[in-house]
Protein backbone atom coordinates (compact mmCIF):
# COMPACT_ATOMS: atom_id res chain seq x y z
CA MET A 1 113.63 92.07 87.39
CA THR A 2 110.19 90.65 88.16
CA PRO A 3 109.00 92.10 91.50
CA ARG A 4 108.77 89.80 94.48
CA VAL A 5 107.07 89.54 97.86
CA PHE A 6 109.28 88.44 100.74
CA ILE A 7 107.37 86.93 103.66
CA ILE A 8 109.09 86.72 107.03
CA ARG A 9 107.61 84.96 110.04
CA HIS A 10 108.36 86.58 113.39
CA GLY A 11 111.14 85.11 115.50
CA GLU A 12 110.80 82.42 118.13
CA THR A 13 108.60 82.98 121.21
CA THR A 14 107.96 80.74 124.21
CA TRP A 15 104.55 79.89 122.78
CA SER A 16 105.88 79.03 119.32
CA LEU A 17 108.37 76.72 121.06
CA SER A 18 105.63 74.94 123.01
CA GLY A 19 103.18 74.77 120.12
CA LYS A 20 100.60 77.09 121.70
CA HIS A 21 98.49 78.95 119.17
CA THR A 22 99.17 82.68 119.40
CA SER A 23 97.09 85.28 117.65
CA THR A 24 95.94 88.27 119.73
CA THR A 25 98.23 87.62 122.72
CA ASN A 26 101.36 89.78 122.63
CA ILE A 27 104.28 87.46 123.39
CA PRO A 28 107.86 88.80 123.15
CA LEU A 29 110.61 87.09 121.20
CA THR A 30 112.95 84.86 123.20
CA PRO A 31 116.62 85.90 123.42
CA SER A 32 117.41 83.07 121.00
CA GLY A 33 114.66 84.32 118.68
CA GLU A 34 116.16 87.79 118.62
CA LYS A 35 119.64 86.44 117.86
CA ARG A 36 118.34 84.32 115.01
CA VAL A 37 116.48 87.26 113.44
CA LEU A 38 119.65 89.35 113.65
CA ALA A 39 121.52 86.53 111.90
CA THR A 40 118.81 86.38 109.21
CA GLY A 41 119.18 90.11 108.61
CA ARG A 42 122.94 89.83 108.24
CA ALA A 43 122.68 86.85 105.90
CA LEU A 44 119.75 87.77 103.67
CA VAL A 45 119.37 91.57 103.75
CA GLY A 46 121.89 93.75 101.91
CA ASN A 47 122.85 95.36 98.64
CA ASP A 48 124.26 92.02 97.42
CA ARG A 49 121.80 89.72 99.20
CA LEU A 50 118.38 88.20 98.59
CA ILE A 51 116.46 91.17 100.03
CA VAL A 52 117.84 94.46 98.76
CA PRO A 53 116.44 97.36 100.85
CA SER A 54 116.80 99.89 98.02
CA LYS A 55 114.51 97.71 95.85
CA LEU A 56 111.69 97.59 98.41
CA SER A 57 108.64 99.66 97.49
CA HIS A 58 106.62 98.94 100.62
CA ILE A 59 106.73 97.07 103.94
CA TYR A 60 103.63 95.56 105.56
CA VAL A 61 103.83 94.43 109.18
CA SER A 62 101.33 92.84 111.58
CA PRO A 63 100.05 94.93 114.52
CA ARG A 64 101.44 92.32 116.94
CA LEU A 65 104.57 93.34 118.80
CA ARG A 66 106.46 90.13 118.04
CA ALA A 67 106.20 90.87 114.32
CA GLN A 68 107.16 94.52 114.76
CA ARG A 69 110.16 93.54 116.87
CA THR A 70 111.26 91.15 114.14
CA LEU A 71 111.19 93.99 111.60
CA GLU A 72 113.20 96.18 113.99
CA LEU A 73 115.91 93.53 114.19
CA LEU A 74 116.39 93.07 110.45
CA ASN A 75 119.25 94.84 108.68
CA ILE A 76 116.96 97.59 107.31
CA ALA A 77 117.00 101.33 108.04
CA TYR A 78 113.34 101.80 107.09
CA ARG A 79 111.46 105.07 106.97
CA SER A 80 108.54 104.94 109.37
CA ARG A 81 105.84 107.43 110.17
CA THR A 82 104.13 105.24 112.71
CA PRO A 83 104.73 105.73 116.44
CA LEU A 84 104.28 102.02 117.11
CA LEU A 85 107.66 101.12 115.65
CA SER A 86 110.98 102.05 117.21
CA PRO A 87 113.58 103.72 114.99
CA ALA A 88 115.29 101.26 112.69
CA ARG A 89 118.35 99.47 114.03
CA GLU A 90 121.48 101.62 113.82
CA GLY A 91 123.75 100.53 111.00
CA GLY A 92 120.92 99.13 108.90
CA ILE A 93 120.92 99.56 105.14
CA PRO A 94 118.85 102.59 103.98
CA CYS A 95 115.44 101.71 102.57
CA PRO A 96 113.04 104.10 100.79
CA ALA A 97 109.92 102.11 101.65
CA GLU A 98 107.26 103.22 104.09
CA VAL A 99 106.11 100.81 106.81
CA GLU A 100 102.39 100.04 106.99
CA ILE A 101 100.93 98.29 110.03
CA THR A 102 97.85 96.44 108.81
CA GLU A 103 95.22 94.18 110.34
CA ASP A 104 95.04 92.35 107.01
CA ILE A 105 98.24 90.45 107.85
CA ARG A 106 97.68 89.85 111.56
CA GLU A 107 97.70 86.22 112.64
CA TRP A 108 94.65 84.00 112.12
CA ASP A 109 92.30 84.71 115.05
CA TYR A 110 92.26 81.43 116.96
CA GLY A 111 89.29 82.44 119.13
CA ASP A 112 88.59 79.65 121.63
CA TYR A 113 91.87 77.97 120.70
CA GLU A 114 94.11 80.87 121.73
CA GLY A 115 97.00 79.73 123.92
CA ILE A 116 96.46 75.99 123.56
CA THR A 117 98.19 73.28 121.52
CA SER A 118 96.84 71.11 118.71
CA PRO A 119 96.60 67.96 120.91
CA GLU A 120 94.55 69.98 123.43
CA ILE A 121 92.32 71.28 120.64
CA ASN A 122 91.69 67.75 119.38
CA ARG A 123 90.80 66.60 122.89
CA ILE A 124 88.35 69.49 123.35
CA ARG A 125 86.74 68.90 119.96
CA LYS A 126 86.29 65.22 120.72
CA GLU A 127 84.61 66.06 124.03
CA GLN A 128 82.34 68.51 122.20
CA GLY A 129 81.49 65.99 119.48
CA LEU A 130 83.08 68.17 116.80
CA ASP A 131 85.85 65.88 115.61
CA GLU A 132 83.68 63.64 113.35
CA GLY A 133 86.38 61.00 113.70
CA ARG A 134 89.13 63.20 112.30
CA LYS A 135 91.73 65.59 113.64
CA TRP A 136 91.21 69.34 113.68
CA ASP A 137 92.35 71.03 110.48
CA ILE A 138 92.45 74.83 110.64
CA TRP A 139 92.36 75.08 106.83
CA ARG A 140 89.02 73.25 106.79
CA ASP A 141 87.51 73.87 110.24
CA GLY A 142 88.69 77.35 111.21
CA CYS A 143 88.42 78.38 114.86
CA PRO A 144 85.21 78.72 116.90
CA GLY A 145 85.03 82.20 118.37
CA GLY A 146 87.70 83.26 115.89
CA GLU A 147 88.10 83.23 112.12
CA SER A 148 87.01 80.81 109.42
CA PRO A 149 88.92 80.02 106.21
CA ALA A 150 86.44 82.30 104.40
CA ASP A 151 87.31 85.17 106.76
CA ILE A 152 91.02 84.68 106.11
CA THR A 153 90.53 84.40 102.37
CA ALA A 154 88.64 87.71 102.27
CA ARG A 155 91.27 89.76 104.06
CA LEU A 156 94.23 88.15 102.31
CA ASP A 157 92.68 88.61 98.88
CA ARG A 158 92.22 92.29 99.75
CA LEU A 159 95.90 92.60 100.66
CA ILE A 160 97.07 90.72 97.56
CA LYS A 161 95.01 93.03 95.37
CA ASP A 162 96.58 96.01 97.12
CA ILE A 163 100.10 94.70 96.49
CA ARG A 164 99.51 93.90 92.84
CA GLU A 165 97.74 97.12 91.95
CA LYS A 166 99.83 99.58 93.98
CA TRP A 167 103.33 98.11 93.82
CA HIS A 168 103.66 95.40 91.19
CA ARG A 169 101.52 96.31 88.20
CA PRO A 170 103.08 99.79 87.72
CA VAL A 171 106.57 98.26 87.71
CA MET A 172 105.71 95.35 85.44
CA GLU A 173 103.94 97.64 82.98
CA GLY A 174 106.75 100.18 83.01
CA GLU A 175 104.96 102.96 84.87
CA ASN A 176 106.21 105.18 87.69
CA VAL A 177 109.55 103.44 88.14
CA GLY A 178 111.73 105.84 90.10
CA GLU A 179 115.01 105.57 91.95
CA GLY A 180 114.65 103.00 94.72
CA LYS A 181 111.13 102.05 93.62
CA LYS A 182 111.71 98.61 92.14
CA GLY A 183 108.52 96.88 93.23
CA ASP A 184 109.67 94.37 95.86
CA VAL A 185 107.44 94.12 98.93
CA LEU A 186 108.31 92.85 102.41
CA ILE A 187 105.76 91.35 104.80
CA VAL A 188 106.57 90.54 108.44
CA ALA A 189 103.87 88.53 110.17
CA HIS A 190 103.01 85.05 111.50
CA GLY A 191 103.05 81.37 110.63
CA HIS A 192 99.48 80.44 109.72
CA ILE A 193 98.58 83.73 108.06
CA LEU A 194 101.72 83.73 105.90
CA ARG A 195 101.16 80.13 104.82
CA ALA A 196 97.59 81.10 103.93
CA PHE A 197 98.90 84.19 102.12
CA ALA A 198 101.16 82.04 99.94
CA GLN A 199 98.27 79.68 99.23
CA ARG A 200 96.01 82.53 98.09
CA TRP A 201 98.85 84.19 96.17
CA ALA A 202 99.07 81.06 94.04
CA GLY A 203 95.29 81.01 93.57
CA LYS A 204 94.69 77.95 95.75
CA GLU A 205 91.78 77.43 98.13
CA LEU A 206 92.63 77.24 101.83
CA HIS A 207 90.68 74.02 102.34
CA ASP A 208 93.25 72.30 100.12
CA GLY A 209 95.73 72.87 102.97
CA PRO A 210 99.24 74.20 102.31
CA THR A 211 101.86 71.48 102.11
CA PHE A 212 104.67 73.90 102.93
CA LEU A 213 105.96 75.19 106.27
CA LEU A 214 107.48 78.45 107.53
CA GLU A 215 109.65 78.21 110.62
CA ALA A 216 109.86 80.95 113.24
CA GLY A 217 112.13 83.62 111.76
CA GLY A 218 111.91 81.95 108.34
CA VAL A 219 111.86 83.74 104.97
CA GLY A 220 109.84 82.86 101.87
CA THR A 221 109.60 84.43 98.41
CA LEU A 222 106.65 84.87 96.04
CA SER A 223 106.74 86.30 92.52
CA TYR A 224 105.39 85.70 88.99
CA GLU A 225 106.17 83.51 86.01
CA HIS A 226 107.12 85.11 82.68
CA HIS A 227 107.04 88.62 84.17
CA ASN A 228 103.24 88.35 83.98
CA ILE A 229 101.05 89.64 86.80
CA ASN A 230 98.41 87.07 85.83
CA GLU A 231 100.83 84.20 86.57
CA PRO A 232 101.59 84.43 90.31
CA ALA A 233 103.97 81.79 91.59
CA ILE A 234 105.87 80.62 94.66
CA LEU A 235 109.59 81.16 94.12
CA LEU A 236 111.24 78.02 95.48
CA GLY A 237 114.78 79.39 95.32
CA GLY A 238 115.70 83.06 95.07
CA ALA A 239 119.18 84.15 94.05
CA PHE A 240 121.29 86.86 95.70
CA VAL A 241 121.70 90.10 93.77
CA VAL A 242 125.13 90.69 92.20
CA GLY A 243 126.09 94.04 90.68
CA ASP A 244 127.32 94.33 87.10
CA ASP A 245 130.61 95.82 88.25
């Protein structure tokens, strides 16, 4: 099977509900957000589901607590050597992958726009003479006091290279394939950074602006065409795994 990357946005928070931009602020999941992540784990994670824990080679998670809590609630009994994560949820399906907390997949740093909504940002930019007669577009304009599209591109390209060289190329070229090391990678992070990740995965520039969305608690899948690491693609519909027996 061609290895995949599963991207999961953290569950609902009060700020995601209200449209406030949340990067560095640690906001907990709402009770509804936790329930929905639990339901996602039951529906999509399992030995006969879309995400098969035994086929995961590595798990990347954002340093933000809302992303780490989302990982804790999924149906995965991960191995973790980091003190920042609680033990995996009891009853989860065993997974051989290590968990890596990385700044490369933290949310886009919104800088001066932290904690405010898009309409508020547009009002502020108009008052500052920055709107140039058009609405704010993070993919083009970035965030003053935070990160630019070039900043995001640099750290995501670094992470993509890491995934392809460490986890995908050895599997696709038939090297170092051991029990439970099948090449799939799981990323748990945030809305804007995961949309940007998918854009860069497919070799597209951020200023083109992704035309796809990822809801709170949502799951996306990335892979390759023709089992070729030089043909990265967005997998629009992934099938559940079914055993030969």
